[in-house]
PDB file of N, CA and C in Angstrom:
ATOM      1  N   MET A   1       6.240 438.097  22.030  1.00  0.00           N
ATOM      2  CA  MET A   1       7.221 436.815  21.733  1.00  0.00           C
ATOM      3  C   MET A   1       8.494 437.734  21.288  1.00  0.00           C
ATOM      4  N   LYS A   2       9.342 437.131  21.776  1.00  0.00           N
ATOM      5  CA  LYS A   2      11.050 437.728  21.490  1.00  0.00           C
ATOM      6  C   LYS A   2      11.331 437.239  20.037  1.00  0.00           C
ATOM      7  N   SER A   3      12.481 438.227  19.144  1.00  0.00           N
ATOM      8  CA  SER A   3      13.183 437.703  18.225  1.00  0.00           C
ATOM      9  C   SER A   3      14.182 436.888  18.187  1.00  0.00           C
ATOM     10  N   VAL A   4      14.480 436.242  17.702  1.00  0.00           N
ATOM     11  CA  VAL A   4      15.886 434.931  17.565  1.00  0.00           C
ATOM     12  C   VAL A   4      17.364 435.771  18.563  1.00  0.00           C
ATOM     13  N   ALA A   5      17.020 437.499  18.208  1.00  0.00           N
ATOM     14  CA  ALA A   5      18.628 438.072  18.093  1.00  0.00           C
ATOM     15  C   ALA A   5      18.056 438.362  19.532  1.00  0.00           C
ATOM     16  N   GLU A   6      17.157 438.302  19.673  1.00  0.00           N
ATOM     17  CA  GLU A   6      16.797 438.452  21.945  1.00  0.00           C
ATOM     18  C   GLU A   6      17.321 437.805  22.243  1.00  0.00           C
ATOM     19  N   LEU A   7      16.642 436.604  22.128  1.00  0.00           N
ATOM     20  CA  LEU A   7      16.856 435.096  22.639  1.00  0.00           C
ATOM     21  C   LEU A   7      18.509 434.846  22.269  1.00  0.00           C
ATOM     22  N   LEU A   8      18.937 434.866  20.882  1.00  0.00           N
ATOM     23  CA  LEU A   8      21.074 434.713  21.414  1.00  0.00           C
ATOM     24  C   LEU A   8      21.384 435.605  21.662  1.00  0.00           C
ATOM     25  N   GLU A   9      20.526 436.591  22.153  1.00  0.00           N
ATOM     26  CA  GLU A   9      21.556 437.741  23.254  1.00  0.00           C
ATOM     27  C   GLU A   9      21.763 437.485  24.706  1.00  0.00           C
ATOM     28  N   GLU A  10      20.080 436.753  24.719  1.00  0.00           N
ATOM     29  CA  GLU A  10      20.444 435.934  26.246  1.00  0.00           C
ATOM     30  C   GLU A  10      20.801 435.324  26.578  1.00  0.00           C
ATOM     31  N   ALA A  11      20.581 433.935  25.543  1.00  0.00           N
ATOM     32  CA  ALA A  11      21.474 432.624  25.873  1.00  0.00           C
ATOM     33  C   ALA A  11      23.054 433.550  25.587  1.00  0.00           C
ATOM     34  N   GLY A  12      23.517 433.620  25.223  1.00  0.00           N
ATOM     35  CA  GLY A  12      25.115 434.516  24.709  1.00  0.00           C
ATOM     36  C   GLY A  12      25.231 434.830  26.257  1.00  0.00           C
ATOM     37  N   GLN A  13      24.739 434.738  27.411  1.00  0.00           N
ATOM     38  CA  GLN A  13      25.398 435.461  28.745  1.00  0.00           C
ATOM     39  C   GLN A  13      25.014 433.951  29.883  1.00  0.00           C
ATOM     40  N   LEU A  14      24.255 433.191  28.594  1.00  0.00           N
ATOM     41  CA  LEU A  14      24.622 431.415  30.019  1.00  0.00           C
ATOM     42  C   LEU A  14      25.855 431.372  29.931  1.00  0.00           C
ATOM     43  N   PRO A  15      26.125 430.163  31.374  1.00  0.00           N
ATOM     44  CA  PRO A  15      27.518 429.847  31.507  1.00  0.00           C
ATOM     45  C   PRO A  15      27.664 428.581  29.937  1.00  0.00           C
ATOM     46  N   PRO A  16      28.885 428.502  29.725  1.00  0.00           N
ATOM     47  CA  PRO A  16      29.318 427.543  28.351  1.00  0.00           C
ATOM     48  C   PRO A  16      28.304 426.184  28.833  1.00  0.00           C
ATOM     49  N   ASP A  17      28.566 425.426  30.017  1.00  0.00           N
ATOM     50  CA  ASP A  17      27.508 424.175  30.134  1.00  0.00           C
ATOM     51  C   ASP A  17      25.826 424.713  29.416  1.00  0.00           C
ATOM     52  N   GLN A  18      25.509 425.336  29.921  1.00  0.00           N
ATOM     53  CA  GLN A  18      23.870 425.527  29.975  1.00  0.00           C
ATOM     54  C   GLN A  18      23.619 426.145  28.513  1.00  0.00           C
ATOM     55  N   ARG A  19      24.578 427.172  27.703  1.00  0.00           N
ATOM     56  CA  ARG A  19      24.408 427.411  26.555  1.00  0.00           C
ATOM     57  C   ARG A  19      24.508 425.873  25.544  1.00  0.00           C
ATOM     58  N   LEU A  20      24.957 425.278  26.014  1.00  0.00           N
ATOM     59  CA  LEU A  20      24.937 423.781  25.034  1.00  0.00           C
ATOM     60  C   LEU A  20      23.759 422.809  25.481  1.00  0.00           C
ATOM     61  N   THR A  21      24.044 423.022  27.122  1.00  0.00           N
ATOM     62  CA  THR A  21      22.262 422.229  27.400  1.00  0.00           C
ATOM     63  C   THR A  21      21.281 422.868  26.295  1.00  0.00           C
ATOM     64  N   LEU A  22      21.243 423.807  25.988  1.00  0.00           N
ATOM     65  CA  LEU A  22      20.290 424.639  25.816  1.00  0.00           C
ATOM     66  C   LEU A  22      19.939 424.385  23.821  1.00  0.00           C
ATOM     67  N   ALA A  23      21.209 424.655  22.964  1.00  0.00           N
ATOM     68  CA  ALA A  23      21.500 424.059  21.676  1.00  0.00           C
ATOM     69  C   ALA A  23      21.039 422.353  21.906  1.00  0.00           C
ATOM     70  N   HIS A  24      21.060 422.055  22.781  1.00  0.00           N
ATOM     71  CA  HIS A  24      20.631 420.717  22.365  1.00  0.00           C
ATOM     72  C   HIS A  24      19.532 420.088  22.623  1.00  0.00           C
ATOM     73  N   ARG A  25      18.888 420.727  23.410  1.00  0.00           N
ATOM     74  CA  ARG A  25      17.235 420.654  23.654  1.00  0.00           C
ATOM     75  C   ARG A  25      16.327 421.650  22.229  1.00  0.00           C
ATOM     76  N   LEU A  26      17.220 422.368  21.610  1.00  0.00           N
ATOM     77  CA  LEU A  26      16.855 423.100  20.429  1.00  0.00           C
ATOM     78  C   LEU A  26      16.553 421.987  19.687  1.00  0.00           C
ATOM     79  N   ILE A  27      17.611 421.905  19.366  1.00  0.00           N
ATOM     80  CA  ILE A  27      18.322 420.825  18.169  1.00  0.00           C
ATOM     81  C   ILE A  27      17.239 419.639  18.229  1.00  0.00           C
ATOM     82  N   ALA A  28      17.365 418.966  19.411  1.00  0.00           N
ATOM     83  CA  ALA A  28      16.265 417.898  20.008  1.00  0.00           C
ATOM     84  C   ALA A  28      14.432 417.765  19.419  1.00  0.00           C
ATOM     85  N   THR A  29      13.994 419.342  19.324  1.00  0.00           N
ATOM     86  CA  THR A  29      13.046 419.554  19.518  1.00  0.00           C
ATOM     87  C   THR A  29      12.989 419.566  17.880  1.00  0.00           C
ATOM     88  N   THR A  30      13.669 419.724  16.514  1.00  0.00           N
ATOM     89  CA  THR A  30      13.243 419.764  15.299  1.00  0.00           C
ATOM     90  C   THR A  30      13.851 418.362  14.648  1.00  0.00           C
ATOM     91  N   GLU A  31      14.796 416.920  15.350  1.00  0.00           N
ATOM     92  CA  GLU A  31      14.954 415.888  14.759  1.00  0.00           C
ATOM     93  C   GLU A  31      13.638 415.241  14.546  1.00  0.00           C
ATOM     94  N   LEU A  32      13.990 414.832  13.407  1.00  0.00           N
ATOM     95  CA  LEU A  32      13.202 412.904  13.717  1.00  0.00           C
ATOM     96  C   LEU A  32      13.428 412.078  13.936  1.00  0.00           C
ATOM     97  N   VAL A  33      12.112 411.280  14.268  1.00  0.00           N
ATOM     98  CA  VAL A  33      12.606 409.997  15.094  1.00  0.00           C
ATOM     99  C   VAL A  33      13.288 409.300  14.087  1.00  0.00           C
ATOM    100  N   PRO A  34      14.642 408.782  14.746  1.00  0.00           N
ATOM    101  CA  PRO A  34      15.324 407.797  14.106  1.00  0.00           C
ATOM    102  C   PRO A  34      14.769 406.798  14.093  1.00  0.00           C
ATOM    103  N   SER A  35      15.133 405.929  13.084  1.00  0.00           N
ATOM    104  CA  SER A  35      14.394 404.442  12.661  1.00  0.00           C
ATOM    105  C   SER A  35      14.844 403.567  13.360  1.00  0.00           C
ATOM    106  N   PHE A  36      15.077 402.300  13.796  1.00  0.00           N
ATOM    107  CA  PHE A  36      15.739 401.260  14.713  1.00  0.00           C
ATOM    108  C   PHE A  36      16.624 401.496  13.809  1.00  0.00           C
ATOM    109  N   LYS A  37      16.742 401.052  12.668  1.00  0.00           N
ATOM    110  CA  LYS A  37      17.778 400.427  11.594  1.00  0.00           C
ATOM    111  C   LYS A  37      19.050 401.464  12.122  1.00  0.00           C
ATOM    112  N   VAL A  38      18.708 402.940  11.574  1.00  0.00           N
ATOM    113  CA  VAL A  38      19.634 404.143  11.812  1.00  0.00           C
ATOM    114  C   VAL A  38      20.807 404.174  14.108  1.00  0.00           C
ATOM    115  N   GLU A  39      19.687 403.652  14.052  1.00  0.00           N
ATOM    116  CA  GLU A  39      20.048 403.727  15.867  1.00  0.00           C
ATOM    117  C   GLU A  39      21.151 402.281  16.059  1.00  0.00           C
ATOM    118  N   ASP A  40      20.433 400.922  15.275  1.00  0.00           N
ATOM    119  CA  ASP A  40      21.703 400.485  15.623  1.00  0.00           C
ATOM    120  C   ASP A  40      22.765 400.497  14.552  1.00  0.00           C
ATOM    121  N   GLN A  41      23.054 401.177  13.305  1.00  0.00           N
ATOM    122  CA  GLN A  41      24.168 401.463  13.213  1.00  0.00           C
ATOM    123  C   GLN A  41      24.922 402.657  14.190  1.00  0.00           C
ATOM    124  N   TRP A  42      23.819 403.392  14.553  1.00  0.00           N
ATOM    125  CA  TRP A  42      25.000 403.996  15.028  1.00  0.00           C
ATOM    126  C   TRP A  42      25.803 403.573  16.244  1.00  0.00           C
ATOM    127  N   ASP A  43      24.793 402.762  17.570  1.00  0.00           N
ATOM    128  CA  ASP A  43      25.215 401.855  18.302  1.00  0.00           C
ATOM    129  C   ASP A  43      26.793 401.104  17.645  1.00  0.00           C
ATOM    130  N   ASN A  44      26.640 400.485  16.407  1.00  0.00           N
ATOM    131  CA  ASN A  44      27.626 399.767  16.395  1.00  0.00           C
ATOM    132  C   ASN A  44      28.992 400.691  15.813  1.00  0.00           C
ATOM    133  N   VAL A  45      28.730 402.372  15.313  1.00  0.00           N
ATOM    134  CA  VAL A  45      29.503 402.900  15.192  1.00  0.00           C
ATOM    135  C   VAL A  45      30.915 403.172  16.732  1.00  0.00           C
ATOM    136  N   ILE A  46      29.576 403.478  17.378  1.00  0.00           N
ATOM    137  CA  ILE A  46      30.036 404.060  19.069  1.00  0.00           C
ATOM    138  C   ILE A  46      30.652 402.891  19.489  1.00  0.00           C
ATOM    139  N   ARG A  47      30.323 401.683  19.372  1.00  0.00           N
ATOM    140  CA  ARG A  47      30.756 400.427  19.757  1.00  0.00           C
ATOM    141  C   ARG A  47      32.484 400.388  19.643  1.00  0.00           C
ATOM    142  N   GLU A  48      32.221 400.414  18.222  1.00  0.00           N
ATOM    143  CA  GLU A  48      33.731 400.321  17.810  1.00  0.00           C
ATOM    144  C   GLU A  48      34.389 402.037  17.627  1.00  0.00           C
ATOM    145  N   ARG A  49      33.773 402.674  17.945  1.00  0.00           N
ATOM    146  CA  ARG A  49      34.892 403.704  18.786  1.00  0.00           C
ATOM    147  C   ARG A  49      35.588 403.853  19.767  1.00  0.00           C
ATOM    148  N   ILE A  50      34.853 403.074  20.458  1.00  0.00           N
ATOM    149  CA  ILE A  50      34.887 402.957  21.851  1.00  0.00           C
ATOM    150  C   ILE A  50      36.088 401.934  22.511  1.00  0.00           C
ATOM    151  N   ALA A  51      36.074 401.023  21.127  1.00  0.00           N
ATOM    152  CA  ALA A  51      36.927 399.976  21.113  1.00  0.00           C
ATOM    153  C   ALA A  51      38.241 400.150  20.116  1.00  0.00           C
ATOM    154  N   ARG A  52      38.017 400.861  19.523  1.00  0.00           N
ATOM    155  CA  ARG A  52      39.602 401.937  18.826  1.00  0.00           C
ATOM    156  C   ARG A  52      40.538 402.494  20.210  1.00  0.00           C
ATOM    157  N   TYR A  53      39.674 403.130  21.059  1.00  0.00           N
ATOM    158  CA  TYR A  53      40.175 403.927  21.912  1.00  0.00           C
ATOM    159  C   TYR A  53      40.416 403.259  23.100  1.00  0.00           C
ATOM    160  N   ASP A  54      39.787 401.801  23.345  1.00  0.00           N
ATOM    161  CA  ASP A  54      40.334 400.895  24.205  1.00  0.00           C
ATOM    162  C   ASP A  54      41.690 400.694  23.883  1.00  0.00           C
ATOM    163  N   ARG A  55      41.410 400.444  22.460  1.00  0.00           N
ATOM    164  CA  ARG A  55      43.046 399.443  22.242  1.00  0.00           C
ATOM    165  C   ARG A  55      44.330 400.453  22.134  1.00  0.00           C
ATOM    166  N   GLY A  56      44.013 402.117  22.558  1.00  0.00           N
ATOM    167  CA  GLY A  56      45.129 403.124  21.705  1.00  0.00           C
ATOM    168  C   GLY A  56      44.800 403.570  20.229  1.00  0.00           C
ATOM    169  N   GLU A  57      44.314 403.075  19.863  1.00  0.00           N
ATOM    170  CA  GLU A  57      43.954 403.498  18.160  1.00  0.00           C
ATOM    171  C   GLU A  57      43.816 404.674  18.077  1.00  0.00           C
ATOM    172  N   SER A  58      42.666 405.628  19.133  1.00  0.00           N
ATOM    173  CA  SER A  58      42.786 406.781  18.984  1.00  0.00           C
ATOM    174  C   SER A  58      42.367 407.152  20.045  1.00  0.00           C
ATOM    175  N   GLN A  59      42.812 408.862  19.934  1.00  0.00           N
ATOM    176  CA  GLN A  59      42.670 409.809  21.733  1.00  0.00           C
ATOM    177  C   GLN A  59      41.085 410.607  21.775  1.00  0.00           C
ATOM    178  N   ALA A  60      41.224 410.995  22.516  1.00  0.00           N
ATOM    179  CA  ALA A  60      40.210 411.736  23.187  1.00  0.00           C
ATOM    180  C   ALA A  60      41.193 413.486  23.003  1.00  0.00           C
ATOM    181  N   SER A  61      39.360 413.712  22.728  1.00  0.00           N
ATOM    182  CA  SER A  61      40.022 415.507  23.028  1.00  0.00           C
ATOM    183  C   SER A  61      39.484 416.313  24.225  1.00  0.00           C
ATOM    184  N   PRO A  62      40.031 417.285  23.936  1.00  0.00           N
ATOM    185  CA  PRO A  62      39.111 418.120  25.117  1.00  0.00           C
ATOM    186  C   PRO A  62      38.146 418.985  24.521  1.00  0.00           C
ATOM    187  N   VAL A  63      36.573 419.077  24.905  1.00  0.00           N
ATOM    188  CA  VAL A  63      35.408 419.623  24.380  1.00  0.00           C
ATOM    189  C   VAL A  63      35.842 421.309  24.226  1.00  0.00           C
ATOM    190  N   HIS A  64      36.512 421.543  24.712  1.00  0.00           N
ATOM    191  CA  HIS A  64      36.952 423.360  23.900  1.00  0.00           C
ATOM    192  C   HIS A  64      37.603 423.273  22.908  1.00  0.00           C
ATOM    193  N   GLU A  65      38.820 421.933  22.620  1.00  0.00           N
ATOM    194  CA  GLU A  65      39.154 421.737  21.535  1.00  0.00           C
ATOM    195  C   GLU A  65      38.213 421.655  20.335  1.00  0.00           C
ATOM    196  N   VAL A  66      37.537 420.440  20.847  1.00  0.00           N
ATOM    197  CA  VAL A  66      36.380 420.314  19.748  1.00  0.00           C
ATOM    198  C   VAL A  66      35.592 421.777  19.064  1.00  0.00           C
ATOM    199  N   LEU A  67      35.209 422.168  19.608  1.00  0.00           N
ATOM    200  CA  LEU A  67      34.160 423.328  19.486  1.00  0.00           C
ATOM    201  C   LEU A  67      35.047 424.062  19.289  1.00  0.00           C
ATOM    202  N   SER A  68      36.385 424.256  19.220  1.00  0.00           N
ATOM    203  CA  SER A  68      36.581 425.522  18.447  1.00  0.00           C
ATOM    204  C   SER A  68      37.089 425.265  17.198  1.00  0.00           C
ATOM    205  N   ARG A  69      37.205 424.086  16.501  1.00  0.00           N
ATOM    206  CA  ARG A  69      37.899 423.433  15.421  1.00  0.00           C
ATOM    207  C   ARG A  69      36.308 423.701  14.742  1.00  0.00           C
ATOM    208  N   ILE A  70      35.533 422.883  15.398  1.00  0.00           N
ATOM    209  CA  ILE A  70      33.810 423.490  14.723  1.00  0.00           C
ATOM    210  C   ILE A  70      33.630 425.002  14.325  1.00  0.00           C
ATOM    211  N   ASP A  71      33.271 425.601  15.007  1.00  0.00           N
ATOM    212  CA  ASP A  71      33.701 427.015  15.199  1.00  0.00           C
ATOM    213  C   ASP A  71      34.084 427.786  13.839  1.00  0.00           C
ATOM    214  N   SER A  72      36.054 427.582  13.728  1.00  0.00           N
ATOM    215  CA  SER A  72      36.571 427.617  13.203  1.00  0.00           C
ATOM    216  C   SER A  72      36.013 427.200  11.323  1.00  0.00           C
ATOM    217  N   ARG A  73      35.412 426.136  11.252  1.00  0.00           N
ATOM    218  CA  ARG A  73      34.933 425.310  10.151  1.00  0.00           C
ATOM    219  C   ARG A  73      34.033 426.256   9.446  1.00  0.00           C
ATOM    220  N   LEU A  74      32.732 426.251  10.180  1.00  0.00           N
ATOM    221  CA  LEU A  74      31.428 427.202  10.100  1.00  0.00           C
ATOM    222  C   LEU A  74      32.101 428.506   9.611  1.00  0.00           C
ATOM    223  N   ASN A  75      33.053 429.467  10.541  1.00  0.00           N
ATOM    224  CA  ASN A  75      33.608 430.955   9.984  1.00  0.00           C
ATOM    225  C   ASN A  75      34.200 430.403   8.903  1.00  0.00           C
ATOM    226  N   ASP A  76      35.143 429.729   8.435  1.00  0.00           N
ATOM    227  CA  ASP A  76      35.100 429.631   7.190  1.00  0.00           C
ATOM    228  C   ASP A  76      34.334 429.428   6.172  1.00  0.00           C
ATOM    229  N   ASP A  77      33.293 429.103   6.367  1.00  0.00           N
ATOM    230  CA  ASP A  77      32.739 428.532   5.222  1.00  0.00           C
ATOM    231  C   ASP A  77      31.193 429.617   5.302  1.00  0.00           C
ATOM    232  N   SER A  78      31.477 430.759   6.312  1.00  0.00           N
ATOM    233  CA  SER A  78      30.580 431.787   5.798  1.00  0.00           C
ATOM    234  C   SER A  78      31.460 433.321   4.488  1.00  0.00           C
TER     235      SER A  78
END
């Protein structure tokens, strides 16, 4: 079995979209099954965010900017 460091090194050589897919799949394997109440609440949040965007009250950001901000925050906490 490979170590986490070995897997991380190999994953780092994948194209960005495949790394994101891998990350999503890994996270999905550890998530608990959400309750219907939680799913309904998320649906409401999503609908409201879409409505605000459609009304011009919020703007979208390119994914590379969002990921860069997340990386910066994570590195600041180290």
